[in-house]
Amino acid sequence: IFLPLHGKHQASNAAAALVAVEAFFGEQELDYEAVIAGFASVQSPGRCEVLHRDPTIIIDAAHNPHGVAAIAQTINSEFDLELVIAVVAVLADKDADGILAGLVNSVDYLVITQSNSPRALSADQLSKVASRHFKADQIEVIPDLTAALTFAIEKATLANQINEGVAAVLVTGSVATAGGARGII
């Protein structure tokens, strides 16, 4: 069954949904074509959502270490990228340290920013957390989300023009960040 979503976890979620529907209908057999059509048309905005190509821009609303682990694993296994530039903003009541630690093995460069949420962790505070996991030359602090996105997209575009490899922008850290970036892009 074709599932137009990235990430091994999405296949597990789809299987769980199918089992739930089968349990709901009990002995009644599901229409196989309806199941195929349903899964083929599924969307999950803000969850490893590819918004643009050249450069590739991926938005994921991961806002905890578990969510970041899923997007990091997906980036590493399903995308052939040589450079990943993450635009990250986190809410103050979330595990910023765990989120940033989860990005270490899948992100090459961080653009630290903040969302427009009143609960947003300031870019300066988040950059201090980031410095525990990334080198200073891997971190850029741009508090304005629009400016941070512009910087990251331009950096990825330039990398794609200079190198034969593929660069991408990953926007993550909170639902507010994903939603705000989605609206801007």
N, C-alpha and C. Protein backbone atom coordinates (compact mmCIF):
# COMPACT_ATOMS: atom_id res chain seq x y z
N ILE A 1 0.86 -1.17 0.00
CA ILE A 1 0.00 0.00 0.00
C ILE A 1 0.90 1.22 0.00
N PHE A 2 0.68 2.11 -0.96
CA PHE A 2 1.46 3.34 -1.06
C PHE A 2 1.03 4.32 0.02
N LEU A 3 2.00 4.87 0.75
CA LEU A 3 1.77 5.88 1.77
C LEU A 3 2.67 7.07 1.44
N PRO A 4 2.09 8.21 1.06
CA PRO A 4 2.90 9.35 0.61
C PRO A 4 3.50 10.19 1.74
N LEU A 5 3.99 9.52 2.77
CA LEU A 5 4.61 10.21 3.90
C LEU A 5 6.01 9.67 4.11
N HIS A 6 6.90 10.54 4.58
CA HIS A 6 8.26 10.12 4.89
C HIS A 6 8.33 9.65 6.34
N GLY A 7 9.16 8.64 6.57
CA GLY A 7 9.43 8.18 7.93
C GLY A 7 8.86 6.82 8.23
N LYS A 8 9.72 5.98 8.77
CA LYS A 8 9.32 4.63 9.16
C LYS A 8 8.18 4.69 10.18
N HIS A 9 8.22 5.67 11.05
CA HIS A 9 7.18 5.81 12.07
C HIS A 9 5.80 6.05 11.46
N GLN A 10 5.77 6.67 10.26
CA GLN A 10 4.48 6.91 9.60
C GLN A 10 3.85 5.60 9.14
N ALA A 11 4.67 4.66 8.69
CA ALA A 11 4.15 3.35 8.30
C ALA A 11 3.57 2.63 9.52
N SER A 12 4.23 2.75 10.65
CA SER A 12 3.71 2.15 11.89
C SER A 12 2.39 2.80 12.29
N ASN A 13 2.32 4.12 12.17
CA ASN A 13 1.08 4.83 12.48
C ASN A 13 -0.05 4.39 11.56
N ALA A 14 0.25 4.24 10.27
CA ALA A 14 -0.76 3.82 9.30
C ALA A 14 -1.25 2.41 9.61
N ALA A 15 -0.34 1.53 9.96
CA ALA A 15 -0.72 0.15 10.31
C ALA A 15 -1.61 0.15 11.54
N ALA A 16 -1.29 0.96 12.52
CA ALA A 16 -2.12 1.04 13.73
C ALA A 16 -3.51 1.58 13.40
N ALA A 17 -3.57 2.56 12.51
CA ALA A 17 -4.87 3.11 12.10
C ALA A 17 -5.69 2.05 11.37
N LEU A 18 -5.06 1.29 10.51
CA LEU A 18 -5.76 0.24 9.78
C LEU A 18 -6.30 -0.82 10.73
N VAL A 19 -5.51 -1.23 11.70
CA VAL A 19 -5.94 -2.21 12.69
C VAL A 19 -7.13 -1.67 13.49
N ALA A 20 -7.09 -0.39 13.83
CA ALA A 20 -8.20 0.22 14.57
C ALA A 20 -9.49 0.21 13.75
N VAL A 21 -9.38 0.54 12.48
CA VAL A 21 -10.56 0.53 11.61
C VAL A 21 -11.10 -0.89 11.46
N GLU A 22 -10.20 -1.85 11.28
CA GLU A 22 -10.63 -3.25 11.17
C GLU A 22 -11.33 -3.69 12.46
N ALA A 23 -10.82 -3.29 13.60
CA ALA A 23 -11.44 -3.65 14.88
C ALA A 23 -12.81 -3.00 15.01
N PHE A 24 -12.93 -1.78 14.54
CA PHE A 24 -14.20 -1.06 14.61
C PHE A 24 -15.27 -1.76 13.77
N PHE A 25 -14.88 -2.20 12.58
CA PHE A 25 -15.85 -2.84 11.68
C PHE A 25 -16.05 -4.33 12.00
N GLY A 26 -15.19 -4.88 12.84
CA GLY A 26 -15.37 -6.27 13.26
C GLY A 26 -15.29 -7.25 12.11
N GLU A 27 -16.31 -8.06 11.96
CA GLU A 27 -16.34 -9.13 10.95
C GLU A 27 -16.52 -8.60 9.53
N GLN A 28 -16.99 -7.36 9.39
CA GLN A 28 -17.21 -6.79 8.05
C GLN A 28 -15.87 -6.53 7.37
N GLU A 29 -15.71 -7.07 6.17
CA GLU A 29 -14.46 -6.91 5.44
C GLU A 29 -14.36 -5.50 4.87
N LEU A 30 -13.16 -4.92 4.97
CA LEU A 30 -12.93 -3.58 4.42
C LEU A 30 -12.78 -3.65 2.91
N ASP A 31 -13.20 -2.61 2.24
CA ASP A 31 -13.04 -2.49 0.79
C ASP A 31 -11.57 -2.18 0.51
N TYR A 32 -10.86 -3.14 -0.08
CA TYR A 32 -9.43 -3.02 -0.33
C TYR A 32 -9.11 -1.76 -1.16
N GLU A 33 -9.88 -1.49 -2.19
CA GLU A 33 -9.64 -0.31 -3.04
C GLU A 33 -9.82 0.98 -2.25
N ALA A 34 -10.79 1.01 -1.34
CA ALA A 34 -11.00 2.20 -0.51
C ALA A 34 -9.82 2.40 0.44
N VAL A 35 -9.28 1.32 0.97
CA VAL A 35 -8.12 1.41 1.85
C VAL A 35 -6.93 1.97 1.08
N ILE A 36 -6.69 1.44 -0.11
CA ILE A 36 -5.58 1.91 -0.95
C ILE A 36 -5.75 3.39 -1.29
N ALA A 37 -6.96 3.77 -1.72
CA ALA A 37 -7.23 5.17 -2.09
C ALA A 37 -7.08 6.08 -0.87
N GLY A 38 -7.54 5.62 0.28
CA GLY A 38 -7.43 6.43 1.49
C GLY A 38 -6.00 6.70 1.89
N PHE A 39 -5.19 5.65 1.90
CA PHE A 39 -3.79 5.84 2.27
C PHE A 39 -3.03 6.64 1.22
N ALA A 40 -3.36 6.48 -0.05
CA ALA A 40 -2.67 7.21 -1.12
C ALA A 40 -2.92 8.72 -1.05
N SER A 41 -4.03 9.11 -0.44
CA SER A 41 -4.36 10.54 -0.40
C SER A 41 -4.07 11.19 0.95
N VAL A 42 -3.50 10.43 1.88
CA VAL A 42 -3.25 10.98 3.21
C VAL A 42 -2.19 12.09 3.16
N GLN A 43 -2.39 13.09 4.00
CA GLN A 43 -1.44 14.19 4.14
C GLN A 43 -1.19 14.41 5.63
N SER A 44 -0.04 14.95 5.96
CA SER A 44 0.28 15.27 7.34
C SER A 44 1.07 16.58 7.36
N PRO A 45 0.37 17.70 7.21
CA PRO A 45 1.06 18.99 7.17
C PRO A 45 1.91 19.21 8.43
N GLY A 46 3.12 19.68 8.19
CA GLY A 46 4.01 19.97 9.30
C GLY A 46 4.75 18.77 9.86
N ARG A 47 4.57 17.62 9.25
CA ARG A 47 5.29 16.41 9.68
C ARG A 47 6.12 15.90 8.52
N CYS A 48 7.39 16.20 8.55
CA CYS A 48 8.31 15.88 7.46
C CYS A 48 7.68 16.26 6.12
N GLU A 49 7.15 17.46 6.09
CA GLU A 49 6.48 17.98 4.91
C GLU A 49 7.50 18.68 4.00
N VAL A 50 7.64 18.19 2.79
CA VAL A 50 8.54 18.82 1.84
C VAL A 50 7.76 19.94 1.16
N LEU A 51 8.15 21.18 1.45
CA LEU A 51 7.45 22.34 0.91
C LEU A 51 8.03 22.84 -0.39
N HIS A 52 9.28 22.55 -0.63
CA HIS A 52 9.95 23.13 -1.80
C HIS A 52 11.11 22.24 -2.21
N ARG A 53 11.47 22.31 -3.46
CA ARG A 53 12.67 21.62 -3.98
C ARG A 53 13.61 22.66 -4.57
N ASP A 54 14.88 22.42 -4.44
CA ASP A 54 15.95 23.26 -4.98
C ASP A 54 15.92 24.68 -4.44
N PRO A 55 16.23 24.86 -3.18
CA PRO A 55 16.65 23.81 -2.27
C PRO A 55 15.44 23.11 -1.64
N THR A 56 15.70 21.92 -1.18
CA THR A 56 14.67 21.18 -0.48
C THR A 56 14.42 21.86 0.86
N ILE A 57 13.15 22.12 1.15
CA ILE A 57 12.76 22.70 2.43
C ILE A 57 11.78 21.73 3.07
N ILE A 58 12.15 21.26 4.25
CA ILE A 58 11.35 20.29 4.99
C ILE A 58 10.91 20.94 6.30
N ILE A 59 9.62 20.81 6.59
CA ILE A 59 9.09 21.33 7.84
C ILE A 59 8.63 20.16 8.69
N ASP A 60 9.06 20.16 9.95
CA ASP A 60 8.62 19.12 10.87
C ASP A 60 8.38 19.75 12.23
N ALA A 61 7.20 19.54 12.77
CA ALA A 61 6.79 20.17 14.02
C ALA A 61 7.34 19.48 15.27
N ALA A 62 8.41 18.71 15.13
CA ALA A 62 8.98 18.00 16.28
C ALA A 62 9.24 18.99 17.41
N HIS A 63 8.68 18.71 18.58
CA HIS A 63 8.80 19.63 19.70
C HIS A 63 9.24 18.91 20.98
N ASN A 64 9.77 17.69 20.80
CA ASN A 64 10.31 16.95 21.94
C ASN A 64 11.38 15.99 21.41
N PRO A 65 12.19 15.42 22.29
CA PRO A 65 13.27 14.53 21.83
C PRO A 65 12.77 13.35 20.99
N HIS A 66 11.62 12.79 21.33
CA HIS A 66 11.08 11.66 20.57
C HIS A 66 10.76 12.08 19.13
N GLY A 67 10.11 13.22 18.97
CA GLY A 67 9.79 13.72 17.63
C GLY A 67 11.03 14.05 16.83
N VAL A 68 12.02 14.64 17.49
CA VAL A 68 13.28 14.98 16.82
C VAL A 68 14.01 13.71 16.40
N ALA A 69 13.97 12.68 17.24
CA ALA A 69 14.61 11.41 16.87
C ALA A 69 13.98 10.85 15.60
N ALA A 70 12.66 10.98 15.47
CA ALA A 70 11.97 10.48 14.27
C ALA A 70 12.38 11.26 13.03
N ILE A 71 12.41 12.60 13.11
CA ILE A 71 12.78 13.38 11.92
C ILE A 71 14.26 13.20 11.60
N ALA A 72 15.10 13.08 12.61
CA ALA A 72 16.54 12.86 12.36
C ALA A 72 16.76 11.53 11.65
N GLN A 73 16.09 10.49 12.10
CA GLN A 73 16.22 9.17 11.48
C GLN A 73 15.69 9.22 10.04
N THR A 74 14.61 9.94 9.82
CA THR A 74 14.04 10.06 8.48
C THR A 74 14.98 10.82 7.56
N ILE A 75 15.53 11.91 8.03
CA ILE A 75 16.48 12.70 7.23
C ILE A 75 17.66 11.82 6.83
N ASN A 76 18.19 11.06 7.78
CA ASN A 76 19.37 10.23 7.51
C ASN A 76 19.08 9.05 6.61
N SER A 77 17.88 8.50 6.66
CA SER A 77 17.60 7.27 5.91
C SER A 77 16.85 7.48 4.60
N GLU A 78 16.08 8.56 4.48
CA GLU A 78 15.23 8.70 3.31
C GLU A 78 15.62 9.84 2.37
N PHE A 79 16.58 10.64 2.77
CA PHE A 79 17.02 11.75 1.94
C PHE A 79 18.51 11.61 1.70
N ASP A 80 18.96 11.90 0.50
CA ASP A 80 20.37 11.85 0.16
C ASP A 80 20.91 13.28 0.19
N LEU A 81 21.27 13.75 1.38
CA LEU A 81 21.68 15.13 1.57
C LEU A 81 23.11 15.20 2.04
N GLU A 82 23.83 16.18 1.53
CA GLU A 82 25.20 16.41 1.98
C GLU A 82 25.29 17.52 3.00
N LEU A 83 24.30 18.41 3.01
CA LEU A 83 24.30 19.53 3.94
C LEU A 83 22.87 19.75 4.41
N VAL A 84 22.67 19.73 5.72
CA VAL A 84 21.36 20.02 6.30
C VAL A 84 21.51 21.24 7.19
N ILE A 85 20.75 22.27 6.87
CA ILE A 85 20.73 23.50 7.64
C ILE A 85 19.40 23.53 8.38
N ALA A 86 19.45 23.49 9.70
CA ALA A 86 18.23 23.47 10.49
C ALA A 86 17.91 24.85 11.03
N VAL A 87 16.68 25.28 10.80
CA VAL A 87 16.16 26.49 11.41
C VAL A 87 15.35 26.01 12.60
N VAL A 88 15.79 26.40 13.80
CA VAL A 88 15.22 25.83 15.02
C VAL A 88 14.74 26.93 15.96
N ALA A 89 13.50 26.78 16.41
CA ALA A 89 12.94 27.62 17.47
C ALA A 89 12.13 26.71 18.37
N VAL A 90 12.26 26.90 19.66
CA VAL A 90 11.66 26.00 20.65
C VAL A 90 10.86 26.84 21.65
N LEU A 91 9.80 26.28 22.17
CA LEU A 91 9.04 26.95 23.22
C LEU A 91 9.75 26.77 24.55
N ALA A 92 9.61 27.76 25.43
CA ALA A 92 10.36 27.78 26.69
C ALA A 92 10.04 26.60 27.60
N ASP A 93 8.85 26.04 27.49
CA ASP A 93 8.48 24.94 28.38
C ASP A 93 8.82 23.56 27.82
N LYS A 94 9.59 23.52 26.75
CA LYS A 94 9.97 22.25 26.12
C LYS A 94 11.43 21.91 26.44
N ASP A 95 11.81 20.69 26.13
CA ASP A 95 13.16 20.19 26.40
C ASP A 95 14.11 20.61 25.27
N ALA A 96 14.54 21.87 25.31
CA ALA A 96 15.41 22.40 24.26
C ALA A 96 16.71 21.62 24.16
N ASP A 97 17.26 21.24 25.30
CA ASP A 97 18.52 20.48 25.30
C ASP A 97 18.32 19.13 24.59
N GLY A 98 17.26 18.43 24.90
CA GLY A 98 16.98 17.15 24.26
C GLY A 98 16.70 17.28 22.77
N ILE A 99 16.01 18.36 22.40
CA ILE A 99 15.72 18.60 20.99
C ILE A 99 17.01 18.83 20.21
N LEU A 100 17.85 19.70 20.71
CA LEU A 100 19.11 20.00 20.01
C LEU A 100 20.06 18.81 20.02
N ALA A 101 20.11 18.08 21.11
CA ALA A 101 20.95 16.88 21.16
C ALA A 101 20.51 15.87 20.09
N GLY A 102 19.21 15.80 19.85
CA GLY A 102 18.70 14.87 18.85
C GLY A 102 19.02 15.23 17.42
N LEU A 103 19.43 16.46 17.19
CA LEU A 103 19.75 16.92 15.83
C LEU A 103 21.23 16.75 15.46
N VAL A 104 22.07 16.46 16.44
CA VAL A 104 23.52 16.44 16.24
C VAL A 104 23.96 15.56 15.07
N ASN A 105 23.40 14.38 14.91
CA ASN A 105 23.86 13.44 13.87
C ASN A 105 23.16 13.60 12.53
N SER A 106 22.28 14.59 12.40
CA SER A 106 21.60 14.76 11.12
C SER A 106 21.66 16.20 10.59
N VAL A 107 22.18 17.11 11.38
CA VAL A 107 22.22 18.52 11.01
C VAL A 107 23.67 19.01 11.00
N ASP A 108 24.01 19.77 9.96
CA ASP A 108 25.36 20.30 9.84
C ASP A 108 25.49 21.73 10.35
N TYR A 109 24.40 22.46 10.29
CA TYR A 109 24.44 23.89 10.60
C TYR A 109 23.10 24.29 11.21
N LEU A 110 23.13 25.11 12.26
CA LEU A 110 21.91 25.58 12.92
C LEU A 110 21.70 27.06 12.70
N VAL A 111 20.47 27.43 12.41
CA VAL A 111 20.06 28.82 12.43
C VAL A 111 19.05 28.90 13.58
N ILE A 112 19.49 29.48 14.67
CA ILE A 112 18.68 29.59 15.87
C ILE A 112 17.80 30.84 15.74
N THR A 113 16.52 30.65 16.00
CA THR A 113 15.56 31.75 15.88
C THR A 113 14.51 31.60 16.96
N GLN A 114 13.43 32.32 16.84
CA GLN A 114 12.32 32.14 17.76
C GLN A 114 11.01 32.39 17.01
N SER A 115 9.98 31.70 17.46
CA SER A 115 8.66 31.87 16.84
C SER A 115 7.99 33.10 17.43
N ASN A 116 6.82 33.41 16.91
CA ASN A 116 6.06 34.55 17.41
C ASN A 116 5.22 34.20 18.64
N SER A 117 5.31 32.97 19.10
CA SER A 117 4.54 32.54 20.26
C SER A 117 5.00 33.28 21.51
N PRO A 118 4.07 33.68 22.36
CA PRO A 118 4.48 34.30 23.63
C PRO A 118 5.23 33.32 24.52
N ARG A 119 5.14 32.03 24.23
CA ARG A 119 5.84 31.01 25.00
C ARG A 119 7.23 30.69 24.43
N ALA A 120 7.65 31.39 23.39
CA ALA A 120 8.91 31.09 22.72
C ALA A 120 10.11 31.31 23.64
N LEU A 121 11.05 30.38 23.55
CA LEU A 121 12.35 30.55 24.19
C LEU A 121 13.11 31.56 23.33
N SER A 122 13.77 32.52 23.95
CA SER A 122 14.48 33.53 23.16
C SER A 122 15.61 32.88 22.36
N ALA A 123 15.92 33.48 21.23
CA ALA A 123 17.00 32.96 20.38
C ALA A 123 18.32 32.96 21.14
N ASP A 124 18.55 33.96 21.98
CA ASP A 124 19.80 34.01 22.75
C ASP A 124 19.88 32.85 23.74
N GLN A 125 18.78 32.56 24.43
CA GLN A 125 18.77 31.45 25.37
C GLN A 125 18.96 30.12 24.64
N LEU A 126 18.29 29.97 23.50
CA LEU A 126 18.39 28.73 22.74
C LEU A 126 19.80 28.55 22.18
N SER A 127 20.46 29.64 21.81
CA SER A 127 21.82 29.52 21.28
C SER A 127 22.79 29.03 22.36
N LYS A 128 22.55 29.40 23.61
CA LYS A 128 23.38 28.91 24.71
C LYS A 128 23.23 27.40 24.86
N VAL A 129 22.00 26.92 24.71
CA VAL A 129 21.76 25.47 24.77
C VAL A 129 22.42 24.80 23.57
N ALA A 130 22.29 25.40 22.41
CA ALA A 130 22.87 24.83 21.18
C ALA A 130 24.38 24.70 21.28
N SER A 131 25.02 25.64 21.98
CA SER A 131 26.49 25.60 22.08
C SER A 131 26.99 24.40 22.87
N ARG A 132 26.11 23.71 23.59
CA ARG A 132 26.50 22.48 24.28
C ARG A 132 26.62 21.30 23.31
N HIS A 133 26.01 21.42 22.15
CA HIS A 133 25.95 20.30 21.20
C HIS A 133 26.59 20.59 19.85
N PHE A 134 26.72 21.86 19.50
CA PHE A 134 27.27 22.25 18.20
C PHE A 134 28.42 23.24 18.42
N LYS A 135 29.36 23.25 17.49
CA LYS A 135 30.48 24.19 17.55
C LYS A 135 29.97 25.59 17.19
N ALA A 136 30.70 26.59 17.64
CA ALA A 136 30.31 27.98 17.40
C ALA A 136 30.16 28.28 15.92
N ASP A 137 31.04 27.70 15.07
CA ASP A 137 30.97 27.98 13.63
C ASP A 137 29.82 27.23 12.93
N GLN A 138 29.07 26.43 13.69
CA GLN A 138 27.90 25.74 13.15
C GLN A 138 26.60 26.45 13.53
N ILE A 139 26.70 27.55 14.25
CA ILE A 139 25.51 28.21 14.79
C ILE A 139 25.43 29.65 14.31
N GLU A 140 24.26 30.02 13.81
CA GLU A 140 23.95 31.40 13.45
C GLU A 140 22.69 31.76 14.25
N VAL A 141 22.69 32.92 14.88
CA VAL A 141 21.53 33.35 15.66
C VAL A 141 20.84 34.50 14.94
N ILE A 142 19.60 34.27 14.54
CA ILE A 142 18.79 35.28 13.85
C ILE A 142 17.40 35.24 14.49
N PRO A 143 17.12 36.13 15.43
CA PRO A 143 15.86 36.05 16.19
C PRO A 143 14.58 36.12 15.35
N ASP A 144 14.59 36.83 14.24
CA ASP A 144 13.40 36.97 13.41
C ASP A 144 13.24 35.73 12.51
N LEU A 145 12.10 35.06 12.59
CA LEU A 145 11.88 33.82 11.85
C LEU A 145 11.98 34.02 10.34
N THR A 146 11.41 35.09 9.82
CA THR A 146 11.49 35.35 8.37
C THR A 146 12.94 35.52 7.93
N ALA A 147 13.69 36.30 8.68
CA ALA A 147 15.10 36.52 8.34
C ALA A 147 15.90 35.22 8.48
N ALA A 148 15.58 34.42 9.48
CA ALA A 148 16.28 33.14 9.67
C ALA A 148 16.02 32.20 8.50
N LEU A 149 14.77 32.13 8.06
CA LEU A 149 14.42 31.29 6.91
C LEU A 149 15.13 31.78 5.65
N THR A 150 15.12 33.07 5.44
CA THR A 150 15.78 33.64 4.26
C THR A 150 17.26 33.29 4.26
N PHE A 151 17.92 33.46 5.40
CA PHE A 151 19.34 33.13 5.52
C PHE A 151 19.59 31.67 5.19
N ALA A 152 18.81 30.77 5.80
CA ALA A 152 19.01 29.33 5.60
C ALA A 152 18.76 28.93 4.14
N ILE A 153 17.72 29.46 3.55
CA ILE A 153 17.40 29.13 2.15
C ILE A 153 18.49 29.63 1.22
N GLU A 154 18.98 30.84 1.47
CA GLU A 154 20.07 31.38 0.64
C GLU A 154 21.34 30.55 0.82
N LYS A 155 21.63 30.12 2.03
CA LYS A 155 22.82 29.30 2.30
C LYS A 155 22.70 27.96 1.57
N ALA A 156 21.54 27.35 1.61
CA ALA A 156 21.34 26.06 0.92
C ALA A 156 21.40 26.24 -0.60
N THR A 157 20.81 27.30 -1.09
CA THR A 157 20.84 27.58 -2.53
C THR A 157 22.27 27.77 -3.01
N LEU A 158 23.05 28.53 -2.27
CA LEU A 158 24.45 28.76 -2.62
C LEU A 158 25.23 27.44 -2.59
N ALA A 159 25.01 26.64 -1.56
CA ALA A 159 25.69 25.34 -1.46
C ALA A 159 25.34 24.46 -2.66
N ASN A 160 24.10 24.49 -3.08
CA ASN A 160 23.69 23.68 -4.24
C ASN A 160 24.32 24.18 -5.53
N GLN A 161 24.59 25.48 -5.62
CA GLN A 161 25.21 26.04 -6.82
C GLN A 161 26.71 25.75 -6.87
N ILE A 162 27.34 25.69 -5.71
CA ILE A 162 28.79 25.50 -5.63
C ILE A 162 29.17 24.03 -5.69
N ASN A 163 28.44 23.21 -5.00
CA ASN A 163 28.77 21.79 -4.88
C ASN A 163 27.83 20.93 -5.71
N GLU A 164 28.26 19.73 -5.99
CA GLU A 164 27.40 18.80 -6.70
C GLU A 164 26.41 18.14 -5.76
N GLY A 165 26.63 18.26 -4.47
CA GLY A 165 25.77 17.63 -3.49
C GLY A 165 24.45 18.34 -3.34
N VAL A 166 23.69 17.84 -2.45
CA VAL A 166 22.36 18.38 -2.22
C VAL A 166 22.30 18.96 -0.81
N ALA A 167 21.84 20.20 -0.72
CA ALA A 167 21.64 20.86 0.56
C ALA A 167 20.16 21.04 0.79
N ALA A 168 19.77 21.01 2.06
CA ALA A 168 18.36 21.18 2.41
C ALA A 168 18.23 22.02 3.67
N VAL A 169 17.04 22.58 3.83
CA VAL A 169 16.69 23.32 5.03
C VAL A 169 15.64 22.51 5.76
N LEU A 170 15.88 22.28 7.05
CA LEU A 170 14.92 21.62 7.93
C LEU A 170 14.45 22.65 8.93
N VAL A 171 13.15 22.86 9.00
CA VAL A 171 12.57 23.79 9.98
C VAL A 171 11.88 22.95 11.05
N THR A 172 12.29 23.13 12.31
CA THR A 172 11.75 22.28 13.37
C THR A 172 11.86 22.95 14.73
N GLY A 173 11.36 22.28 15.76
CA GLY A 173 11.50 22.72 17.13
C GLY A 173 10.20 22.96 17.85
N SER A 174 9.14 23.26 17.10
CA SER A 174 7.83 23.44 17.73
C SER A 174 6.75 23.50 16.65
N VAL A 175 5.53 23.30 17.08
CA VAL A 175 4.39 23.42 16.17
C VAL A 175 4.27 24.88 15.73
N ALA A 176 4.53 25.81 16.64
CA ALA A 176 4.47 27.24 16.31
C ALA A 176 5.52 27.60 15.26
N THR A 177 6.70 27.02 15.37
CA THR A 177 7.77 27.27 14.39
C THR A 177 7.37 26.71 13.03
N ALA A 178 6.90 25.48 13.01
CA ALA A 178 6.49 24.85 11.75
C ALA A 178 5.37 25.63 11.10
N GLY A 179 4.35 25.98 11.87
CA GLY A 179 3.22 26.72 11.32
C GLY A 179 3.62 28.10 10.83
N GLY A 180 4.43 28.79 11.61
CA GLY A 180 4.88 30.12 11.20
C GLY A 180 5.71 30.06 9.93
N ALA A 181 6.63 29.10 9.87
CA ALA A 181 7.48 28.97 8.69
C ALA A 181 6.67 28.56 7.47
N ARG A 182 5.71 27.68 7.67
CA ARG A 182 4.85 27.23 6.56
C ARG A 182 4.12 28.43 5.97
N GLY A 183 3.63 29.31 6.82
CA GLY A 183 2.94 30.50 6.36
C GLY A 183 3.87 31.46 5.61
N ILE A 184 5.08 31.59 6.09
CA ILE A 184 6.06 32.48 5.45
C ILE A 184 6.48 31.93 4.10
N ILE A 185 6.78 30.64 4.05
CA ILE A 185 7.27 30.02 2.82
C ILE A 185 6.13 29.89 1.84
